[in-house]
PDB file of N, CA and C in Angstrom:
ATOM      1  N   MET A   1      99.847 -19.048 -83.263  1.00  0.00           N
ATOM      2  CA  MET A   1      98.575 -18.955 -83.747  1.00  0.00           C
ATOM      3  C   MET A   1      97.279 -18.877 -83.128  1.00  0.00           C
ATOM      4  N   VAL A   2      96.626 -18.156 -83.664  1.00  0.00           N
ATOM      5  CA  VAL A   2      95.727 -17.175 -82.996  1.00  0.00           C
ATOM      6  C   VAL A   2      94.309 -18.211 -82.685  1.00  0.00           C
ATOM      7  N   LEU A   3      93.072 -17.679 -82.071  1.00  0.00           N
ATOM      8  CA  LEU A   3      92.099 -18.791 -82.003  1.00  0.00           C
ATOM      9  C   LEU A   3      91.641 -18.965 -82.564  1.00  0.00           C
ATOM     10  N   LYS A   4      90.616 -19.995 -83.451  1.00  0.00           N
ATOM     11  CA  LYS A   4      90.350 -20.109 -84.565  1.00  0.00           C
ATOM     12  C   LYS A   4      89.575 -21.416 -84.084  1.00  0.00           C
ATOM     13  N   ILE A   5      87.908 -20.602 -84.708  1.00  0.00           N
ATOM     14  CA  ILE A   5      86.868 -22.259 -84.775  1.00  0.00           C
ATOM     15  C   ILE A   5      86.557 -22.533 -86.125  1.00  0.00           C
ATOM     16  N   TYR A   6      86.164 -23.710 -86.422  1.00  0.00           N
ATOM     17  CA  TYR A   6      85.982 -24.301 -87.828  1.00  0.00           C
ATOM     18  C   TYR A   6      84.130 -24.311 -87.208  1.00  0.00           C
ATOM     19  N   HIS A   7      83.747 -23.646 -87.687  1.00  0.00           N
ATOM     20  CA  HIS A   7      82.261 -23.657 -87.400  1.00  0.00           C
ATOM     21  C   HIS A   7      81.287 -23.914 -88.251  1.00  0.00           C
ATOM     22  N   ASN A   8      79.955 -24.267 -87.933  1.00  0.00           N
ATOM     23  CA  ASN A   8      78.816 -24.735 -88.714  1.00  0.00           C
ATOM     24  C   ASN A   8      77.658 -24.307 -88.193  1.00  0.00           C
ATOM     25  N   PRO A   9      77.145 -22.666 -88.619  1.00  0.00           N
ATOM     26  CA  PRO A   9      76.355 -22.047 -88.009  1.00  0.00           C
ATOM     27  C   PRO A   9      74.799 -22.918 -87.606  1.00  0.00           C
ATOM     28  N   ARG A  10      74.902 -23.819 -88.702  1.00  0.00           N
ATOM     29  CA  ARG A  10      73.742 -24.330 -88.100  1.00  0.00           C
ATOM     30  C   ARG A  10      73.654 -25.839 -86.998  1.00  0.00           C
ATOM     31  N   CYS A  11      75.028 -25.861 -86.882  1.00  0.00           N
ATOM     32  CA  CYS A  11      75.067 -27.265 -85.337  1.00  0.00           C
ATOM     33  C   CYS A  11      75.091 -26.178 -84.487  1.00  0.00           C
ATOM     34  N   THR A  12      74.037 -27.121 -83.504  1.00  0.00           N
ATOM     35  CA  THR A  12      73.878 -26.578 -81.986  1.00  0.00           C
ATOM     36  C   THR A  12      74.990 -26.792 -81.296  1.00  0.00           C
ATOM     37  N   LYS A  13      76.263 -27.669 -81.159  1.00  0.00           N
ATOM     38  CA  LYS A  13      77.451 -27.756 -80.696  1.00  0.00           C
ATOM     39  C   LYS A  13      78.318 -26.868 -81.113  1.00  0.00           C
ATOM     40  N   SER A  14      78.375 -26.537 -82.618  1.00  0.00           N
ATOM     41  CA  SER A  14      79.140 -25.376 -83.087  1.00  0.00           C
ATOM     42  C   SER A  14      78.705 -24.147 -82.112  1.00  0.00           C
ATOM     43  N   ARG A  15      77.240 -23.653 -82.224  1.00  0.00           N
ATOM     44  CA  ARG A  15      76.814 -22.584 -81.976  1.00  0.00           C
ATOM     45  C   ARG A  15      77.489 -22.448 -80.189  1.00  0.00           C
ATOM     46  N   GLN A  16      77.054 -23.743 -79.737  1.00  0.00           N
ATOM     47  CA  GLN A  16      77.157 -23.875 -78.192  1.00  0.00           C
ATOM     48  C   GLN A  16      78.953 -22.977 -77.558  1.00  0.00           C
ATOM     49  N   THR A  17      79.784 -23.994 -78.729  1.00  0.00           N
ATOM     50  CA  THR A  17      81.292 -24.236 -78.463  1.00  0.00           C
ATOM     51  C   THR A  17      81.366 -22.364 -78.634  1.00  0.00           C
ATOM     52  N   LEU A  18      80.920 -21.853 -79.761  1.00  0.00           N
ATOM     53  CA  LEU A  18      81.200 -20.300 -80.055  1.00  0.00           C
ATOM     54  C   LEU A  18      80.570 -19.711 -79.149  1.00  0.00           C
ATOM     55  N   ALA A  19      79.625 -19.520 -78.712  1.00  0.00           N
ATOM     56  CA  ALA A  19      79.137 -19.046 -77.180  1.00  0.00           C
ATOM     57  C   ALA A  19      80.029 -19.103 -76.018  1.00  0.00           C
ATOM     58  N   LEU A  20      80.480 -20.438 -75.571  1.00  0.00           N
ATOM     59  CA  LEU A  20      81.250 -20.700 -74.375  1.00  0.00           C
ATOM     60  C   LEU A  20      82.484 -19.889 -74.655  1.00  0.00           C
ATOM     61  N   LEU A  21      83.058 -19.839 -75.454  1.00  0.00           N
ATOM     62  CA  LEU A  21      84.424 -19.010 -76.253  1.00  0.00           C
ATOM     63  C   LEU A  21      84.295 -17.478 -76.111  1.00  0.00           C
ATOM     64  N   GLU A  22      82.849 -17.210 -76.446  1.00  0.00           N
ATOM     65  CA  GLU A  22      82.409 -15.344 -76.230  1.00  0.00           C
ATOM     66  C   GLU A  22      82.292 -15.339 -74.723  1.00  0.00           C
ATOM     67  N   GLY A  23      81.833 -16.180 -74.336  1.00  0.00           N
ATOM     68  CA  GLY A  23      81.204 -15.807 -72.822  1.00  0.00           C
ATOM     69  C   GLY A  23      82.466 -16.026 -72.181  1.00  0.00           C
ATOM     70  N   ARG A  24      83.567 -16.159 -72.276  1.00  0.00           N
ATOM     71  CA  ARG A  24      84.671 -16.149 -71.950  1.00  0.00           C
ATOM     72  C   ARG A  24      85.517 -14.785 -72.242  1.00  0.00           C
ATOM     73  N   GLY A  25      84.963 -14.016 -73.095  1.00  0.00           N
ATOM     74  CA  GLY A  25      85.882 -12.874 -73.493  1.00  0.00           C
ATOM     75  C   GLY A  25      86.986 -13.188 -74.793  1.00  0.00           C
ATOM     76  N   LEU A  26      86.698 -14.220 -75.282  1.00  0.00           N
ATOM     77  CA  LEU A  26      87.736 -14.806 -76.334  1.00  0.00           C
ATOM     78  C   LEU A  26      87.115 -14.404 -77.756  1.00  0.00           C
ATOM     79  N   LYS A  27      87.228 -13.643 -78.871  1.00  0.00           N
ATOM     80  CA  LYS A  27      87.344 -13.699 -80.351  1.00  0.00           C
ATOM     81  C   LYS A  27      87.920 -14.298 -80.975  1.00  0.00           C
ATOM     82  N   PRO A  28      87.458 -15.083 -81.015  1.00  0.00           N
ATOM     83  CA  PRO A  28      87.904 -16.356 -82.407  1.00  0.00           C
ATOM     84  C   PRO A  28      87.742 -16.068 -83.498  1.00  0.00           C
ATOM     85  N   GLU A  29      88.498 -16.175 -84.454  1.00  0.00           N
ATOM     86  CA  GLU A  29      88.526 -16.172 -85.802  1.00  0.00           C
ATOM     87  C   GLU A  29      87.473 -17.628 -86.573  1.00  0.00           C
ATOM     88  N   ILE A  30      86.509 -16.788 -86.534  1.00  0.00           N
ATOM     89  CA  ILE A  30      85.352 -17.671 -87.060  1.00  0.00           C
ATOM     90  C   ILE A  30      85.645 -18.287 -88.616  1.00  0.00           C
ATOM     91  N   VAL A  31      85.647 -19.435 -88.963  1.00  0.00           N
ATOM     92  CA  VAL A  31      85.909 -19.986 -90.194  1.00  0.00           C
ATOM     93  C   VAL A  31      84.722 -21.128 -90.302  1.00  0.00           C
ATOM     94  N   ASN A  32      83.967 -20.702 -91.400  1.00  0.00           N
ATOM     95  CA  ASN A  32      82.600 -21.500 -91.806  1.00  0.00           C
ATOM     96  C   ASN A  32      83.275 -22.246 -92.810  1.00  0.00           C
ATOM     97  N   TYR A  33      83.535 -23.533 -92.343  1.00  0.00           N
ATOM     98  CA  TYR A  33      84.346 -24.604 -93.293  1.00  0.00           C
ATOM     99  C   TYR A  33      83.035 -25.023 -94.067  1.00  0.00           C
ATOM    100  N   LEU A  34      82.322 -24.748 -94.490  1.00  0.00           N
ATOM    101  CA  LEU A  34      81.070 -25.368 -95.492  1.00  0.00           C
ATOM    102  C   LEU A  34      81.245 -24.813 -96.573  1.00  0.00           C
ATOM    103  N   THR A  35      81.802 -23.370 -96.358  1.00  0.00           N
ATOM    104  CA  THR A  35      81.682 -22.348 -97.536  1.00  0.00           C
ATOM    105  C   THR A  35      82.922 -21.934 -97.799  1.00  0.00           C
ATOM    106  N   THR A  36      84.318 -22.146 -96.701  1.00  0.00           N
ATOM    107  CA  THR A  36      85.485 -22.051 -96.820  1.00  0.00           C
ATOM    108  C   THR A  36      86.287 -23.120 -96.118  1.00  0.00           C
ATOM    109  N   PRO A  37      86.429 -24.430 -97.146  1.00  0.00           N
ATOM    110  CA  PRO A  37      86.852 -25.829 -96.117  1.00  0.00           C
ATOM    111  C   PRO A  37      88.086 -25.429 -96.271  1.00  0.00           C
ATOM    112  N   PRO A  38      89.243 -26.147 -95.288  1.00  0.00           N
ATOM    113  CA  PRO A  38      90.240 -26.355 -95.010  1.00  0.00           C
ATOM    114  C   PRO A  38      90.708 -26.651 -96.217  1.00  0.00           C
ATOM    115  N   SER A  39      92.447 -26.768 -96.010  1.00  0.00           N
ATOM    116  CA  SER A  39      93.102 -27.115 -97.493  1.00  0.00           C
ATOM    117  C   SER A  39      93.284 -28.777 -97.066  1.00  0.00           C
ATOM    118  N   ILE A  40      93.912 -29.447 -97.816  1.00  0.00           N
ATOM    119  CA  ILE A  40      94.557 -30.860 -97.192  1.00  0.00           C
ATOM    120  C   ILE A  40      95.058 -30.333 -96.200  1.00  0.00           C
ATOM    121  N   ALA A  41      96.301 -29.641 -96.629  1.00  0.00           N
ATOM    122  CA  ALA A  41      97.463 -29.549 -95.698  1.00  0.00           C
ATOM    123  C   ALA A  41      96.963 -28.925 -94.340  1.00  0.00           C
ATOM    124  N   GLU A  42      95.677 -28.020 -94.405  1.00  0.00           N
ATOM    125  CA  GLU A  42      95.298 -27.424 -93.479  1.00  0.00           C
ATOM    126  C   GLU A  42      94.820 -28.679 -92.336  1.00  0.00           C
ATOM    127  N   LEU A  43      93.992 -29.491 -93.366  1.00  0.00           N
ATOM    128  CA  LEU A  43      93.240 -30.716 -92.604  1.00  0.00           C
ATOM    129  C   LEU A  43      94.408 -30.893 -91.906  1.00  0.00           C
ATOM    130  N   ALA A  44      95.447 -31.737 -92.754  1.00  0.00           N
ATOM    131  CA  ALA A  44      96.372 -32.688 -91.790  1.00  0.00           C
ATOM    132  C   ALA A  44      96.873 -31.866 -90.870  1.00  0.00           C
ATOM    133  N   LYS A  45      97.211 -30.948 -90.731  1.00  0.00           N
ATOM    134  CA  LYS A  45      97.970 -30.260 -89.333  1.00  0.00           C
ATOM    135  C   LYS A  45      96.791 -30.671 -88.281  1.00  0.00           C
ATOM    136  N   ILE A  46      95.515 -30.203 -88.795  1.00  0.00           N
ATOM    137  CA  ILE A  46      94.336 -30.116 -87.725  1.00  0.00           C
ATOM    138  C   ILE A  46      94.297 -31.593 -86.916  1.00  0.00           C
ATOM    139  N   VAL A  47      94.447 -32.651 -88.088  1.00  0.00           N
ATOM    140  CA  VAL A  47      94.466 -34.043 -87.631  1.00  0.00           C
ATOM    141  C   VAL A  47      95.722 -34.087 -86.646  1.00  0.00           C
ATOM    142  N   LYS A  48      97.203 -34.191 -86.983  1.00  0.00           N
ATOM    143  CA  LYS A  48      98.131 -34.039 -86.162  1.00  0.00           C
ATOM    144  C   LYS A  48      98.025 -33.239 -84.557  1.00  0.00           C
ATOM    145  N   MET A  49      97.503 -31.963 -84.863  1.00  0.00           N
ATOM    146  CA  MET A  49      97.440 -31.219 -83.108  1.00  0.00           C
ATOM    147  C   MET A  49      96.186 -31.942 -82.448  1.00  0.00           C
ATOM    148  N   LEU A  50      95.197 -32.785 -83.084  1.00  0.00           N
ATOM    149  CA  LEU A  50      94.072 -33.345 -82.140  1.00  0.00           C
ATOM    150  C   LEU A  50      94.989 -34.526 -82.013  1.00  0.00           C
ATOM    151  N   GLY A  51      95.767 -35.451 -82.409  1.00  0.00           N
ATOM    152  CA  GLY A  51      96.558 -36.492 -82.427  1.00  0.00           C
ATOM    153  C   GLY A  51      95.704 -37.657 -82.244  1.00  0.00           C
ATOM    154  N   VAL A  52      94.980 -37.569 -83.335  1.00  0.00           N
ATOM    155  CA  VAL A  52      94.237 -38.798 -83.912  1.00  0.00           C
ATOM    156  C   VAL A  52      94.192 -39.031 -85.491  1.00  0.00           C
ATOM    157  N   PRO A  53      93.847 -40.205 -86.102  1.00  0.00           N
ATOM    158  CA  PRO A  53      93.762 -40.450 -87.486  1.00  0.00           C
ATOM    159  C   PRO A  53      92.749 -39.699 -87.996  1.00  0.00           C
ATOM    160  N   ALA A  54      92.988 -39.085 -89.118  1.00  0.00           N
ATOM    161  CA  ALA A  54      91.752 -38.613 -89.861  1.00  0.00           C
ATOM    162  C   ALA A  54      90.195 -39.077 -90.252  1.00  0.00           C
ATOM    163  N   ARG A  55      90.640 -40.598 -89.654  1.00  0.00           N
ATOM    164  CA  ARG A  55      88.953 -41.086 -89.422  1.00  0.00           C
ATOM    165  C   ARG A  55      88.354 -40.873 -88.573  1.00  0.00           C
ATOM    166  N   ASP A  56      89.050 -40.196 -87.301  1.00  0.00           N
ATOM    167  CA  ASP A  56      88.279 -40.172 -86.378  1.00  0.00           C
ATOM    168  C   ASP A  56      87.626 -38.708 -86.511  1.00  0.00           C
ATOM    169  N   ILE A  57      88.014 -38.180 -87.170  1.00  0.00           N
ATOM    170  CA  ILE A  57      86.887 -36.477 -87.078  1.00  0.00           C
ATOM    171  C   ILE A  57      86.059 -36.446 -88.083  1.00  0.00           C
ATOM    172  N   VAL A  58      85.543 -37.893 -88.985  1.00  0.00           N
ATOM    173  CA  VAL A  58      84.902 -37.940 -89.942  1.00  0.00           C
ATOM    174  C   VAL A  58      83.174 -38.177 -89.643  1.00  0.00           C
ATOM    175  N   ARG A  59      82.481 -37.631 -89.470  1.00  0.00           N
ATOM    176  CA  ARG A  59      80.970 -37.690 -89.366  1.00  0.00           C
ATOM    177  C   ARG A  59      80.714 -39.115 -90.338  1.00  0.00           C
ATOM    178  N   LYS A  60      80.980 -39.993 -89.456  1.00  0.00           N
ATOM    179  CA  LYS A  60      80.238 -41.579 -90.360  1.00  0.00           C
ATOM    180  C   LYS A  60      78.940 -41.264 -91.509  1.00  0.00           C
ATOM    181  N   LYS A  61      77.866 -41.053 -90.694  1.00  0.00           N
ATOM    182  CA  LYS A  61      76.289 -41.118 -91.539  1.00  0.00           C
ATOM    183  C   LYS A  61      76.494 -39.883 -92.686  1.00  0.00           C
ATOM    184  N   ASP A  62      77.246 -38.654 -92.122  1.00  0.00           N
ATOM    185  CA  ASP A  62      77.486 -37.662 -93.404  1.00  0.00           C
ATOM    186  C   ASP A  62      78.452 -38.131 -94.597  1.00  0.00           C
ATOM    187  N   ALA A  63      79.295 -38.905 -94.293  1.00  0.00           N
ATOM    188  CA  ALA A  63      80.463 -39.615 -95.052  1.00  0.00           C
ATOM    189  C   ALA A  63      79.645 -41.183 -95.683  1.00  0.00           C
ATOM    190  N   ALA A  64      78.503 -41.704 -94.979  1.00  0.00           N
ATOM    191  CA  ALA A  64      77.732 -42.758 -95.880  1.00  0.00           C
ATOM    192  C   ALA A  64      76.994 -42.080 -96.826  1.00  0.00           C
ATOM    193  N   ASP A  65      76.684 -40.816 -96.575  1.00  0.00           N
ATOM    194  CA  ASP A  65      75.444 -40.059 -97.621  1.00  0.00           C
ATOM    195  C   ASP A  65      76.398 -40.096 -98.841  1.00  0.00           C
ATOM    196  N   PHE A  66      77.621 -40.146 -98.721  1.00  0.00           N
ATOM    197  CA  PHE A  66      78.435 -39.478-100.026  1.00  0.00           C
ATOM    198  C   PHE A  66      79.009 -40.783-100.599  1.00  0.00           C
ATOM    199  N   GLY A  67      79.207 -41.916 -99.944  1.00  0.00           N
ATOM    200  CA  GLY A  67      79.377 -43.152-100.330  1.00  0.00           C
ATOM    201  C   GLY A  67      80.907 -43.113 -99.882  1.00  0.00           C
ATOM    202  N   ILE A  68      81.226 -42.550 -98.704  1.00  0.00           N
ATOM    203  CA  ILE A  68      82.392 -42.696 -98.569  1.00  0.00           C
ATOM    204  C   ILE A  68      82.659 -43.120 -97.087  1.00  0.00           C
ATOM    205  N   GLU A  69      83.535 -44.505 -96.771  1.00  0.00           N
ATOM    206  CA  GLU A  69      84.080 -45.363 -95.921  1.00  0.00           C
ATOM    207  C   GLU A  69      85.148 -45.144 -95.570  1.00  0.00           C
ATOM    208  N   PRO A  70      85.381 -44.094 -94.366  1.00  0.00           N
ATOM    209  CA  PRO A  70      86.984 -43.768 -93.582  1.00  0.00           C
ATOM    210  C   PRO A  70      87.658 -44.905 -93.653  1.00  0.00           C
ATOM    211  N   ALA A  71      87.213 -45.709 -92.512  1.00  0.00           N
ATOM    212  CA  ALA A  71      87.838 -47.130 -92.522  1.00  0.00           C
ATOM    213  C   ALA A  71      88.726 -47.759 -93.491  1.00  0.00           C
ATOM    214  N   SER A  72      88.165 -47.291 -94.721  1.00  0.00           N
ATOM    215  CA  SER A  72      88.447 -48.176 -95.956  1.00  0.00           C
ATOM    216  C   SER A  72      89.920 -47.490 -96.961  1.00  0.00           C
ATOM    217  N   LEU A  73      89.535 -45.941 -96.540  1.00  0.00           N
ATOM    218  CA  LEU A  73      90.486 -44.958 -97.392  1.00  0.00           C
ATOM    219  C   LEU A  73      91.536 -45.021 -96.664  1.00  0.00           C
ATOM    220  N   LYS A  74      92.944 -44.415 -97.385  1.00  0.00           N
ATOM    221  CA  LYS A  74      94.335 -44.049 -97.053  1.00  0.00           C
ATOM    222  C   LYS A  74      93.813 -42.643 -96.529  1.00  0.00           C
ATOM    223  N   GLU A  75      95.063 -42.198 -95.559  1.00  0.00           N
ATOM    224  CA  GLU A  75      94.780 -41.118 -95.174  1.00  0.00           C
ATOM    225  C   GLU A  75      94.767 -39.934 -96.063  1.00  0.00           C
ATOM    226  N   LYS A  76      95.603 -39.711 -97.053  1.00  0.00           N
ATOM    227  CA  LYS A  76      95.415 -38.545 -97.937  1.00  0.00           C
ATOM    228  C   LYS A  76      94.514 -38.473 -98.972  1.00  0.00           C
ATOM    229  N   ILE A  77      93.934 -39.828 -99.315  1.00  0.00           N
ATOM    230  CA  ILE A  77      92.303 -39.815-100.106  1.00  0.00           C
ATOM    231  C   ILE A  77      91.165 -39.378 -99.164  1.00  0.00           C
ATOM    232  N   LEU A  78      91.270 -39.688 -97.798  1.00  0.00           N
ATOM    233  CA  LEU A  78      90.398 -39.441 -96.934  1.00  0.00           C
ATOM    234  C   LEU A  78      90.209 -37.940 -96.537  1.00  0.00           C
ATOM    235  N   LEU A  79      91.374 -37.075 -96.678  1.00  0.00           N
ATOM    236  CA  LEU A  79      91.782 -35.659 -96.420  1.00  0.00           C
ATOM    237  C   LEU A  79      90.933 -35.242 -97.695  1.00  0.00           C
ATOM    238  N   ALA A  80      91.239 -35.592 -98.983  1.00  0.00           N
ATOM    239  CA  ALA A  80      90.650 -35.303-100.189  1.00  0.00           C
ATOM    240  C   ALA A  80      89.496 -35.077 -99.884  1.00  0.00           C
ATOM    241  N   ALA A  81      88.627 -36.040 -99.701  1.00  0.00           N
ATOM    242  CA  ALA A  81      87.305 -36.298 -99.479  1.00  0.00           C
ATOM    243  C   ALA A  81      86.945 -35.381 -98.626  1.00  0.00           C
ATOM    244  N   MET A  82      87.427 -35.246 -97.505  1.00  0.00           N
ATOM    245  CA  MET A  82      86.759 -34.179 -96.709  1.00  0.00           C
ATOM    246  C   MET A  82      86.914 -32.786 -97.182  1.00  0.00           C
ATOM    247  N   VAL A  83      88.030 -32.183 -98.084  1.00  0.00           N
ATOM    248  CA  VAL A  83      88.092 -30.935 -98.141  1.00  0.00           C
ATOM    249  C   VAL A  83      86.860 -31.381 -99.744  1.00  0.00           C
ATOM    250  N   GLU A  84      86.549 -32.009-100.266  1.00  0.00           N
ATOM    251  CA  GLU A  84      85.480 -31.947-101.247  1.00  0.00           C
ATOM    252  C   GLU A  84      84.159 -31.630-100.809  1.00  0.00           C
ATOM    253  N   HIS A  85      84.381 -32.669 -99.600  1.00  0.00           N
ATOM    254  CA  HIS A  85      82.748 -32.620 -98.779  1.00  0.00           C
ATOM    255  C   HIS A  85      82.830 -32.207 -97.174  1.00  0.00           C
ATOM    256  N   PRO A  86      82.821 -31.289 -97.179  1.00  0.00           N
ATOM    257  CA  PRO A  86      83.353 -30.742 -95.954  1.00  0.00           C
ATOM    258  C   PRO A  86      82.257 -30.642 -94.646  1.00  0.00           C
ATOM    259  N   ILE A  87      81.403 -31.069 -95.100  1.00  0.00           N
ATOM    260  CA  ILE A  87      80.068 -31.690 -94.378  1.00  0.00           C
ATOM    261  C   ILE A  87      80.157 -32.966 -93.429  1.00  0.00           C
ATOM    262  N   ILE A  88      81.471 -33.604 -94.060  1.00  0.00           N
ATOM    263  CA  ILE A  88      81.493 -34.829 -93.228  1.00  0.00           C
ATOM    264  C   ILE A  88      82.248 -34.466 -92.155  1.00  0.00           C
ATOM    265  N   ILE A  89      82.959 -33.429 -92.207  1.00  0.00           N
ATOM    266  CA  ILE A  89      84.382 -32.934 -90.836  1.00  0.00           C
ATOM    267  C   ILE A  89      83.672 -32.860 -89.835  1.00  0.00           C
ATOM    268  N   GLU A  90      84.027 -33.592 -88.411  1.00  0.00           N
ATOM    269  CA  GLU A  90      83.518 -33.723 -87.085  1.00  0.00           C
ATOM    270  C   GLU A  90      83.553 -31.692 -86.711  1.00  0.00           C
ATOM    271  N   ARG A  91      82.594 -31.629 -86.129  1.00  0.00           N
ATOM    272  CA  ARG A  91      82.665 -29.878 -85.722  1.00  0.00           C
ATOM    273  C   ARG A  91      81.902 -29.667 -84.290  1.00  0.00           C
ATOM    274  N   PRO A  92      82.316 -28.561 -83.856  1.00  0.00           N
ATOM    275  CA  PRO A  92      83.323 -27.468 -84.208  1.00  0.00           C
ATOM    276  C   PRO A  92      84.664 -28.037 -83.824  1.00  0.00           C
ATOM    277  N   ILE A  93      85.533 -27.443 -84.392  1.00  0.00           N
ATOM    278  CA  ILE A  93      87.327 -27.301 -84.012  1.00  0.00           C
ATOM    279  C   ILE A  93      87.606 -26.246 -84.307  1.00  0.00           C
ATOM    280  N   VAL A  94      88.131 -26.740 -82.373  1.00  0.00           N
ATOM    281  CA  VAL A  94      89.068 -24.990 -82.198  1.00  0.00           C
ATOM    282  C   VAL A  94      90.627 -25.472 -82.344  1.00  0.00           C
ATOM    283  N   ILE A  95      91.255 -24.551 -82.894  1.00  0.00           N
ATOM    284  CA  ILE A  95      92.458 -24.193 -82.495  1.00  0.00           C
ATOM    285  C   ILE A  95      92.933 -23.159 -81.613  1.00  0.00           C
ATOM    286  N   ASN A  96      93.942 -23.412 -81.275  1.00  0.00           N
ATOM    287  CA  ASN A  96      94.401 -22.242 -80.024  1.00  0.00           C
ATOM    288  C   ASN A  96      96.015 -22.836 -79.322  1.00  0.00           C
ATOM    289  N   LYS A  97      96.717 -21.906 -80.015  1.00  0.00           N
ATOM    290  CA  LYS A  97      98.482 -21.989 -80.009  1.00  0.00           C
ATOM    291  C   LYS A  97      98.419 -23.350 -80.030  1.00  0.00           C
ATOM    292  N   GLY A  98      98.601 -24.059 -81.343  1.00  0.00           N
ATOM    293  CA  GLY A  98      99.039 -25.228 -81.715  1.00  0.00           C
ATOM    294  C   GLY A  98      98.356 -26.164 -81.259  1.00  0.00           C
ATOM    295  N   LYS A  99      97.524 -26.092 -80.378  1.00  0.00           N
ATOM    296  CA  LYS A  99      96.679 -27.105 -79.674  1.00  0.00           C
ATOM    297  C   LYS A  99      95.088 -27.173 -80.612  1.00  0.00           C
ATOM    298  N   ALA A 100      94.778 -28.378 -80.578  1.00  0.00           N
ATOM    299  CA  ALA A 100      93.226 -28.710 -81.298  1.00  0.00           C
ATOM    300  C   ALA A 100      92.516 -29.536 -80.475  1.00  0.00           C
ATOM    301  N   ALA A 101      90.932 -28.782 -80.346  1.00  0.00           N
ATOM    302  CA  ALA A 101      90.010 -29.957 -79.694  1.00  0.00           C
ATOM    303  C   ALA A 101      88.791 -29.526 -80.472  1.00  0.00           C
ATOM    304  N   ILE A 102      88.173 -30.862 -80.260  1.00  0.00           N
ATOM    305  CA  ILE A 102      86.734 -30.940 -80.829  1.00  0.00           C
ATOM    306  C   ILE A 102      85.741 -30.468 -80.059  1.00  0.00           C
ATOM    307  N   GLY A 103      84.887 -29.505 -80.034  1.00  0.00           N
ATOM    308  CA  GLY A 103      83.880 -29.232 -79.289  1.00  0.00           C
ATOM    309  C   GLY A 103      82.447 -30.057 -78.698  1.00  0.00           C
ATOM    310  N   ARG A 104      82.641 -31.188 -78.665  1.00  0.00           N
ATOM    311  CA  ARG A 104      81.521 -32.301 -78.565  1.00  0.00           C
ATOM    312  C   ARG A 104      82.107 -33.023 -77.213  1.00  0.00           C
ATOM    313  N   PRO A 105      81.960 -32.567 -75.951  1.00  0.00           N
ATOM    314  CA  PRO A 105      80.584 -31.675 -75.650  1.00  0.00           C
ATOM    315  C   PRO A 105      81.703 -30.021 -75.577  1.00  0.00           C
ATOM    316  N   PRO A 106      81.238 -28.969 -76.066  1.00  0.00           N
ATOM    317  CA  PRO A 106      81.707 -27.534 -75.861  1.00  0.00           C
ATOM    318  C   PRO A 106      82.473 -27.337 -74.790  1.00  0.00           C
ATOM    319  N   GLU A 107      82.313 -27.883 -73.582  1.00  0.00           N
ATOM    320  CA  GLU A 107      83.270 -27.702 -72.524  1.00  0.00           C
ATOM    321  C   GLU A 107      84.612 -28.438 -72.600  1.00  0.00           C
ATOM    322  N   SER A 108      84.768 -29.280 -73.840  1.00  0.00           N
ATOM    323  CA  SER A 108      86.037 -29.784 -74.167  1.00  0.00           C
ATOM    324  C   SER A 108      87.549 -29.010 -74.648  1.00  0.00           C
ATOM    325  N   VAL A 109      86.760 -27.943 -75.155  1.00  0.00           N
ATOM    326  CA  VAL A 109      87.674 -26.965 -75.905  1.00  0.00           C
ATOM    327  C   VAL A 109      88.432 -25.856 -74.781  1.00  0.00           C
ATOM    328  N   ILE A 110      88.030 -26.468 -73.479  1.00  0.00           N
ATOM    329  CA  ILE A 110      88.226 -25.543 -72.079  1.00  0.00           C
ATOM    330  C   ILE A 110      89.815 -25.936 -71.935  1.00  0.00           C
ATOM    331  N   GLU A 111      90.230 -27.355 -72.354  1.00  0.00           N
ATOM    332  CA  GLU A 111      91.454 -27.416 -71.920  1.00  0.00           C
ATOM    333  C   GLU A 111      92.598 -26.957 -73.107  1.00  0.00           C
ATOM    334  N   ILE A 112      92.169 -26.491 -74.110  1.00  0.00           N
ATOM    335  CA  ILE A 112      93.294 -26.091 -75.094  1.00  0.00           C
ATOM    336  C   ILE A 112      93.199 -24.233 -74.856  1.00  0.00           C
ATOM    337  N   LEU A 113      92.444 -23.389 -74.129  1.00  0.00           N
ATOM    338  CA  LEU A 113      92.482 -21.896 -73.733  1.00  0.00           C
ATOM    339  C   LEU A 113      93.341 -21.456 -73.376  1.00  0.00           C
TER     340      LEU A 113
END
């Protein structure tokens, strides 16, 4: 699996994480997930790689703006909501060799490089 970052160019942490990767000489595949959201299947794989339930990668405030209550939804329904409203997905997410990490803080992705 190629190094990939699910990136929001307007997000400071996302930009910092991308800069950290590039500063190490890495050239990740950049996925602007707001314009190209992952599918439900891709998102399910990401959640599995992270080792957390889907509700743990939801931005609660952004989800509330859409009337989405992560704790009350079944996993598949929540994943579908995340695909429909990708802004609620925590960012950035970096994938490398079957492992994933959320770049909050950006240095947290170093362990999967």
